[in-house]
Amino acid sequence: MARYMVTFFKDILGDNGHHAEVCQHLLEVEAANSGDATELAKRKFCEIERLSDWSLHADRLRVSESERPLEQQAPH
């Protein structure tokens, strides 16, 4: 399993008339691949925000592999 950072973004129009991209949420998930990471993050985002669909609070998301290594578990 690899670690992925999944960032949810919302586009807004500021008071100055310029478009801005706002980070709605950042999740770190463990998954076999980026597709699985995307789906897991969408589910978690919906749970956290109490939504039926992630796109109600975000316009898009970005998935990137985390540079932080997986933590090793000590043998029992």
PDB file of N, CA and C in Angstrom:
ATOM      1  N   MET A   1       0.834  -1.176   0.000  1.00  0.00           N
ATOM      2  CA  MET A   1       0.000   0.000   0.000  1.00  0.00           C
ATOM      3  C   MET A   1       0.886   1.250   0.000  1.00  0.00           C
ATOM      4  N   ALA A   2       0.398   2.252  -0.653  1.00  0.00           N
ATOM      5  CA  ALA A   2       1.099   3.531  -0.698  1.00  0.00           C
ATOM      6  C   ALA A   2       0.234   4.588  -0.020  1.00  0.00           C
ATOM      7  N   ARG A   3       0.862   5.680   0.342  1.00  0.00           N
ATOM      8  CA  ARG A   3       0.142   6.811   0.931  1.00  0.00           C
ATOM      9  C   ARG A   3      -0.085   7.863  -0.146  1.00  0.00           C
ATOM     10  N   TYR A   4      -1.275   8.425  -0.118  1.00  0.00           N
ATOM     11  CA  TYR A   4      -1.630   9.468  -1.073  1.00  0.00           C
ATOM     12  C   TYR A   4      -2.202  10.665  -0.332  1.00  0.00           C
ATOM     13  N   MET A   5      -1.904  11.835  -0.841  1.00  0.00           N
ATOM     14  CA  MET A   5      -2.496  13.071  -0.353  1.00  0.00           C
ATOM     15  C   MET A   5      -3.582  13.451  -1.359  1.00  0.00           C
ATOM     16  N   VAL A   6      -4.795  13.644  -0.874  1.00  0.00           N
ATOM     17  CA  VAL A   6      -5.921  14.006  -1.741  1.00  0.00           C
ATOM     18  C   VAL A   6      -6.438  15.366  -1.265  1.00  0.00           C
ATOM     19  N   THR A   7      -6.381  16.332  -2.161  1.00  0.00           N
ATOM     20  CA  THR A   7      -6.777  17.701  -1.847  1.00  0.00           C
ATOM     21  C   THR A   7      -8.041  18.047  -2.618  1.00  0.00           C
ATOM     22  N   PHE A   8      -9.029  18.556  -1.905  1.00  0.00           N
ATOM     23  CA  PHE A   8     -10.305  18.959  -2.499  1.00  0.00           C
ATOM     24  C   PHE A   8     -10.304  20.476  -2.653  1.00  0.00           C
ATOM     25  N   PHE A   9     -10.637  20.957  -3.852  1.00  0.00           N
ATOM     26  CA  PHE A   9     -10.606  22.384  -4.155  1.00  0.00           C
ATOM     27  C   PHE A   9     -11.980  22.912  -4.559  1.00  0.00           C
ATOM     28  N   LYS A  10     -12.211  24.177  -4.227  1.00  0.00           N
ATOM     29  CA  LYS A  10     -13.416  24.900  -4.636  1.00  0.00           C
ATOM     30  C   LYS A  10     -12.981  26.185  -5.326  1.00  0.00           C
ATOM     31  N   ASP A  11     -13.593  26.500  -6.461  1.00  0.00           N
ATOM     32  CA  ASP A  11     -13.340  27.765  -7.148  1.00  0.00           C
ATOM     33  C   ASP A  11     -14.301  28.813  -6.621  1.00  0.00           C
ATOM     34  N   ILE A  12     -13.770  29.979  -6.299  1.00  0.00           N
ATOM     35  CA  ILE A  12     -14.616  31.065  -5.823  1.00  0.00           C
ATOM     36  C   ILE A  12     -14.280  32.336  -6.589  1.00  0.00           C
ATOM     37  N   LEU A  13     -15.190  33.281  -6.543  1.00  0.00           N
ATOM     38  CA  LEU A  13     -14.976  34.595  -7.127  1.00  0.00           C
ATOM     39  C   LEU A  13     -14.846  35.568  -5.965  1.00  0.00           C
ATOM     40  N   GLY A  14     -13.675  36.196  -5.869  1.00  0.00           N
ATOM     41  CA  GLY A  14     -13.420  37.102  -4.759  1.00  0.00           C
ATOM     42  C   GLY A  14     -14.104  38.446  -4.939  1.00  0.00           C
ATOM     43  N   ASP A  15     -14.058  39.254  -3.890  1.00  0.00           N
ATOM     44  CA  ASP A  15     -14.653  40.593  -3.922  1.00  0.00           C
ATOM     45  C   ASP A  15     -14.037  41.472  -5.008  1.00  0.00           C
ATOM     46  N   ASN A  16     -12.780  41.158  -5.352  1.00  0.00           N
ATOM     47  CA  ASN A  16     -12.084  41.940  -6.371  1.00  0.00           C
ATOM     48  C   ASN A  16     -12.400  41.465  -7.792  1.00  0.00           C
ATOM     49  N   GLY A  17     -13.244  40.468  -7.919  1.00  0.00           N
ATOM     50  CA  GLY A  17     -13.621  39.960  -9.232  1.00  0.00           C
ATOM     51  C   GLY A  17     -12.684  38.909  -9.800  1.00  0.00           C
ATOM     52  N   HIS A  18     -11.668  38.545  -9.056  1.00  0.00           N
ATOM     53  CA  HIS A  18     -10.719  37.534  -9.510  1.00  0.00           C
ATOM     54  C   HIS A  18     -11.109  36.156  -8.992  1.00  0.00           C
ATOM     55  N   HIS A  19     -10.865  35.169  -9.832  1.00  0.00           N
ATOM     56  CA  HIS A  19     -11.128  33.791  -9.419  1.00  0.00           C
ATOM     57  C   HIS A  19     -10.011  33.324  -8.495  1.00  0.00           C
ATOM     58  N   ALA A  20     -10.381  32.529  -7.529  1.00  0.00           N
ATOM     59  CA  ALA A  20      -9.415  31.963  -6.595  1.00  0.00           C
ATOM     60  C   ALA A  20      -9.745  30.493  -6.375  1.00  0.00           C
ATOM     61  N   GLU A  21      -8.722  29.744  -6.071  1.00  0.00           N
ATOM     62  CA  GLU A  21      -8.870  28.324  -5.770  1.00  0.00           C
ATOM     63  C   GLU A  21      -8.667  28.159  -4.266  1.00  0.00           C
ATOM     64  N   VAL A  22      -9.648  27.574  -3.594  1.00  0.00           N
ATOM     65  CA  VAL A  22      -9.594  27.411  -2.150  1.00  0.00           C
ATOM     66  C   VAL A  22      -9.545  25.928  -1.810  1.00  0.00           C
ATOM     67  N   CYS A  23      -8.618  25.563  -0.927  1.00  0.00           N
ATOM     68  CA  CYS A  23      -8.539  24.181  -0.457  1.00  0.00           C
ATOM     69  C   CYS A  23      -9.665  23.951   0.544  1.00  0.00           C
ATOM     70  N   GLN A  24     -10.544  23.016   0.238  1.00  0.00           N
ATOM     71  CA  GLN A  24     -11.650  22.690   1.127  1.00  0.00           C
ATOM     72  C   GLN A  24     -11.244  21.657   2.182  1.00  0.00           C
ATOM     73  N   HIS A  25     -10.365  20.742   1.770  1.00  0.00           N
ATOM     74  CA  HIS A  25      -9.949  19.687   2.700  1.00  0.00           C
ATOM     75  C   HIS A  25      -8.744  18.957   2.123  1.00  0.00           C
ATOM     76  N   LEU A  26      -7.901  18.456   3.004  1.00  0.00           N
ATOM     77  CA  LEU A  26      -6.736  17.664   2.619  1.00  0.00           C
ATOM     78  C   LEU A  26      -6.778  16.372   3.421  1.00  0.00           C
ATOM     79  N   LEU A  27      -6.751  15.250   2.723  1.00  0.00           N
ATOM     80  CA  LEU A  27      -6.781  13.944   3.381  1.00  0.00           C
ATOM     81  C   LEU A  27      -5.575  13.122   2.973  1.00  0.00           C
ATOM     82  N   GLU A  28      -5.037  12.381   3.912  1.00  0.00           N
ATOM     83  CA  GLU A  28      -3.981  11.419   3.614  1.00  0.00           C
ATOM     84  C   GLU A  28      -4.599  10.034   3.756  1.00  0.00           C
ATOM     85  N   VAL A  29      -4.479   9.225   2.710  1.00  0.00           N
ATOM     86  CA  VAL A  29      -5.072   7.885   2.724  1.00  0.00           C
ATOM     87  C   VAL A  29      -4.048   6.862   2.256  1.00  0.00           C
ATOM     88  N   GLU A  30      -4.238   5.637   2.668  1.00  0.00           N
ATOM     89  CA  GLU A  30      -3.436   4.517   2.187  1.00  0.00           C
ATOM     90  C   GLU A  30      -4.286   3.721   1.215  1.00  0.00           C
ATOM     91  N   ALA A  31      -3.698   3.427   0.047  1.00  0.00           N
ATOM     92  CA  ALA A  31      -4.435   2.687  -0.972  1.00  0.00           C
ATOM     93  C   ALA A  31      -3.448   1.986  -1.903  1.00  0.00           C
ATOM     94  N   ALA A  32      -3.980   1.032  -2.666  1.00  0.00           N
ATOM     95  CA  ALA A  32      -3.153   0.267  -3.593  1.00  0.00           C
ATOM     96  C   ALA A  32      -2.720   1.113  -4.791  1.00  0.00           C
ATOM     97  N   ASN A  33      -3.557   2.088  -5.186  1.00  0.00           N
ATOM     98  CA  ASN A  33      -3.223   2.926  -6.337  1.00  0.00           C
ATOM     99  C   ASN A  33      -3.980   4.253  -6.220  1.00  0.00           C
ATOM    100  N   SER A  34      -3.713   5.169  -7.145  1.00  0.00           N
ATOM    101  CA  SER A  34      -4.319   6.500  -7.052  1.00  0.00           C
ATOM    102  C   SER A  34      -5.830   6.463  -7.258  1.00  0.00           C
ATOM    103  N   GLY A  35      -6.314   5.541  -8.078  1.00  0.00           N
ATOM    104  CA  GLY A  35      -7.762   5.418  -8.281  1.00  0.00           C
ATOM    105  C   GLY A  35      -8.470   5.006  -7.004  1.00  0.00           C
ATOM    106  N   ASP A  36      -7.906   4.019  -6.313  1.00  0.00           N
ATOM    107  CA  ASP A  36      -8.481   3.594  -5.034  1.00  0.00           C
ATOM    108  C   ASP A  36      -8.385   4.714  -3.999  1.00  0.00           C
ATOM    109  N   ALA A  37      -7.280   5.450  -4.024  1.00  0.00           N
ATOM    110  CA  ALA A  37      -7.096   6.569  -3.092  1.00  0.00           C
ATOM    111  C   ALA A  37      -8.161   7.629  -3.333  1.00  0.00           C
ATOM    112  N   THR A  38      -8.458   7.900  -4.592  1.00  0.00           N
ATOM    113  CA  THR A  38      -9.477   8.885  -4.941  1.00  0.00           C
ATOM    114  C   THR A  38     -10.835   8.492  -4.374  1.00  0.00           C
ATOM    115  N   GLU A  39     -11.232   7.251  -4.594  1.00  0.00           N
ATOM    116  CA  GLU A  39     -12.545   6.802  -4.128  1.00  0.00           C
ATOM    117  C   GLU A  39     -12.623   6.778  -2.606  1.00  0.00           C
ATOM    118  N   LEU A  40     -11.565   6.339  -1.947  1.00  0.00           N
ATOM    119  CA  LEU A  40     -11.541   6.318  -0.483  1.00  0.00           C
ATOM    120  C   LEU A  40     -11.629   7.738   0.073  1.00  0.00           C
ATOM    121  N   ALA A  41     -10.884   8.654  -0.508  1.00  0.00           N
ATOM    122  CA  ALA A  41     -10.906  10.043  -0.043  1.00  0.00           C
ATOM    123  C   ALA A  41     -12.274  10.677  -0.261  1.00  0.00           C
ATOM    124  N   LYS A  42     -12.917  10.384  -1.374  1.00  0.00           N
ATOM    125  CA  LYS A  42     -14.267  10.914  -1.616  1.00  0.00           C
ATOM    126  C   LYS A  42     -15.225  10.451  -0.525  1.00  0.00           C
ATOM    127  N   ARG A  43     -15.158   9.159  -0.174  1.00  0.00           N
ATOM    128  CA  ARG A  43     -16.035   8.630   0.877  1.00  0.00           C
ATOM    129  C   ARG A  43     -15.745   9.301   2.221  1.00  0.00           C
ATOM    130  N   LYS A  44     -14.458   9.437   2.552  1.00  0.00           N
ATOM    131  CA  LYS A  44     -14.096  10.059   3.829  1.00  0.00           C
ATOM    132  C   LYS A  44     -14.522  11.523   3.875  1.00  0.00           C
ATOM    133  N   PHE A  45     -14.334  12.233   2.766  1.00  0.00           N
ATOM    134  CA  PHE A  45     -14.736  13.634   2.688  1.00  0.00           C
ATOM    135  C   PHE A  45     -16.236  13.766   2.925  1.00  0.00           C
ATOM    136  N   CYS A  46     -17.010  12.895   2.318  1.00  0.00           N
ATOM    137  CA  CYS A  46     -18.464  12.916   2.503  1.00  0.00           C
ATOM    138  C   CYS A  46     -18.842  12.639   3.954  1.00  0.00           C
ATOM    139  N   GLU A  47     -18.154  11.708   4.601  1.00  0.00           N
ATOM    140  CA  GLU A  47     -18.431  11.416   6.009  1.00  0.00           C
ATOM    141  C   GLU A  47     -18.108  12.622   6.889  1.00  0.00           C
ATOM    142  N   ILE A  48     -16.945  13.211   6.663  1.00  0.00           N
ATOM    143  CA  ILE A  48     -16.511  14.351   7.476  1.00  0.00           C
ATOM    144  C   ILE A  48     -17.449  15.538   7.309  1.00  0.00           C
ATOM    145  N   GLU A  49     -17.815  15.821   6.075  1.00  0.00           N
ATOM    146  CA  GLU A  49     -18.657  16.985   5.777  1.00  0.00           C
ATOM    147  C   GLU A  49     -20.154  16.668   5.831  1.00  0.00           C
ATOM    148  N   ARG A  50     -20.485  15.411   6.089  1.00  0.00           N
ATOM    149  CA  ARG A  50     -21.883  14.960   6.139  1.00  0.00           C
ATOM    150  C   ARG A  50     -22.613  15.291   4.835  1.00  0.00           C
ATOM    151  N   LEU A  51     -22.028  14.804   3.751  1.00  0.00           N
ATOM    152  CA  LEU A  51     -22.554  15.049   2.405  1.00  0.00           C
ATOM    153  C   LEU A  51     -22.947  13.745   1.735  1.00  0.00           C
ATOM    154  N   SER A  52     -23.825  13.843   0.763  1.00  0.00           N
ATOM    155  CA  SER A  52     -24.157  12.669  -0.039  1.00  0.00           C
ATOM    156  C   SER A  52     -23.262  12.586  -1.269  1.00  0.00           C
ATOM    157  N   ASP A  53     -22.661  13.721  -1.656  1.00  0.00           N
ATOM    158  CA  ASP A  53     -21.791  13.763  -2.827  1.00  0.00           C
ATOM    159  C   ASP A  53     -20.693  14.792  -2.575  1.00  0.00           C
ATOM    160  N   TRP A  54     -19.443  14.400  -2.764  1.00  0.00           N
ATOM    161  CA  TRP A  54     -18.299  15.271  -2.482  1.00  0.00           C
ATOM    162  C   TRP A  54     -18.336  16.562  -3.291  1.00  0.00           C
ATOM    163  N   SER A  55     -18.931  16.514  -4.492  1.00  0.00           N
ATOM    164  CA  SER A  55     -18.911  17.680  -5.375  1.00  0.00           C
ATOM    165  C   SER A  55     -19.855  18.799  -4.910  1.00  0.00           C
ATOM    166  N   LEU A  56     -20.590  18.568  -3.832  1.00  0.00           N
ATOM    167  CA  LEU A  56     -21.415  19.631  -3.271  1.00  0.00           C
ATOM    168  C   LEU A  56     -20.558  20.699  -2.582  1.00  0.00           C
ATOM    169  N   HIS A  57     -19.359  20.326  -2.117  1.00  0.00           N
ATOM    170  CA  HIS A  57     -18.467  21.266  -1.431  1.00  0.00           C
ATOM    171  C   HIS A  57     -17.141  21.466  -2.139  1.00  0.00           C
ATOM    172  N   ALA A  58     -16.906  20.770  -3.243  1.00  0.00           N
ATOM    173  CA  ALA A  58     -15.637  20.910  -3.959  1.00  0.00           C
ATOM    174  C   ALA A  58     -15.886  20.779  -5.456  1.00  0.00           C
ATOM    175  N   ASP A  59     -15.054  21.473  -6.224  1.00  0.00           N
ATOM    176  CA  ASP A  59     -15.185  21.413  -7.679  1.00  0.00           C
ATOM    177  C   ASP A  59     -14.280  20.354  -8.295  1.00  0.00           C
ATOM    178  N   ARG A  60     -13.197  20.079  -7.637  1.00  0.00           N
ATOM    179  CA  ARG A  60     -12.253  19.083  -8.158  1.00  0.00           C
ATOM    180  C   ARG A  60     -11.340  18.622  -7.024  1.00  0.00           C
ATOM    181  N   LEU A  61     -10.574  17.601  -7.333  1.00  0.00           N
ATOM    182  CA  LEU A  61      -9.607  17.105  -6.365  1.00  0.00           C
ATOM    183  C   LEU A  61      -8.302  16.775  -7.073  1.00  0.00           C
ATOM    184  N   ARG A  62      -7.243  16.737  -6.294  1.00  0.00           N
ATOM    185  CA  ARG A  62      -5.926  16.385  -6.812  1.00  0.00           C
ATOM    186  C   ARG A  62      -5.356  15.277  -5.930  1.00  0.00           C
ATOM    187  N   VAL A  63      -4.814  14.249  -6.568  1.00  0.00           N
ATOM    188  CA  VAL A  63      -4.223  13.123  -5.857  1.00  0.00           C
ATOM    189  C   VAL A  63      -2.725  13.112  -6.148  1.00  0.00           C
ATOM    190  N   SER A  64      -1.935  13.029  -5.100  1.00  0.00           N
ATOM    191  CA  SER A  64      -0.484  12.918  -5.280  1.00  0.00           C
ATOM    192  C   SER A  64       0.054  11.919  -4.269  1.00  0.00           C
ATOM    193  N   GLU A  65       1.069  11.208  -4.682  1.00  0.00           N
ATOM    194  CA  GLU A  65       1.669  10.234  -3.783  1.00  0.00           C
ATOM    195  C   GLU A  65       2.411  10.975  -2.684  1.00  0.00           C
ATOM    196  N   SER A  66       2.205  10.544  -1.465  1.00  0.00           N
ATOM    197  CA  SER A  66       2.818  11.194  -0.317  1.00  0.00           C
ATOM    198  C   SER A  66       4.307  10.880  -0.285  1.00  0.00           C
ATOM    199  N   GLU A  67       5.090  11.881   0.083  1.00  0.00           N
ATOM    200  CA  GLU A  67       6.531  11.672   0.209  1.00  0.00           C
ATOM    201  C   GLU A  67       6.887  11.053   1.544  1.00  0.00           C
ATOM    202  N   ARG A  68       5.932  11.064   2.461  1.00  0.00           N
ATOM    203  CA  ARG A  68       6.165  10.497   3.788  1.00  0.00           C
ATOM    204  C   ARG A  68       6.112   8.973   3.704  1.00  0.00           C
ATOM    205  N   PRO A  69       7.132   8.270   4.170  1.00  0.00           N
ATOM    206  CA  PRO A  69       7.112   6.804   4.095  1.00  0.00           C
ATOM    207  C   PRO A  69       6.077   6.189   5.019  1.00  0.00           C
ATOM    208  N   LEU A  70       5.636   4.994   4.656  1.00  0.00           N
ATOM    209  CA  LEU A  70       4.725   4.251   5.526  1.00  0.00           C
ATOM    210  C   LEU A  70       5.431   3.927   6.819  1.00  0.00           C
ATOM    211  N   GLU A  71       4.680   3.999   7.919  1.00  0.00           N
ATOM    212  CA  GLU A  71       5.252   3.687   9.225  1.00  0.00           C
ATOM    213  C   GLU A  71       5.394   2.183   9.350  1.00  0.00           C
ATOM    214  N   GLN A  72       6.514   1.765   9.865  1.00  0.00           N
ATOM    215  CA  GLN A  72       6.765   0.345  10.075  1.00  0.00           C
ATOM    216  C   GLN A  72       6.175  -0.071  11.414  1.00  0.00           C
ATOM    217  N   GLN A  73       5.474  -1.178  11.424  1.00  0.00           N
ATOM    218  CA  GLN A  73       4.934  -1.688  12.668  1.00  0.00           C
ATOM    219  C   GLN A  73       5.952  -2.629  13.297  1.00  0.00           C
ATOM    220  N   ALA A  74       6.099  -2.516  14.605  1.00  0.00           N
ATOM    221  CA  ALA A  74       7.024  -3.379  15.323  1.00  0.00           C
ATOM    222  C   ALA A  74       6.443  -4.772  15.424  1.00  0.00           C
ATOM    223  N   PRO A  75       7.278  -5.810  15.275  1.00  0.00           N
ATOM    224  CA  PRO A  75       6.766  -7.186  15.409  1.00  0.00           C
ATOM    225  C   PRO A  75       6.316  -7.446  16.846  1.00  0.00           C
ATOM    226  N   HIS A  76       5.300  -8.291  16.965  1.00  0.00           N
ATOM    227  CA  HIS A  76       4.746  -8.601  18.302  1.00  0.00           C
ATOM    228  C   HIS A  76       5.424  -9.784  18.879  1.00  0.00           C
TER     229      HIS A  76
END
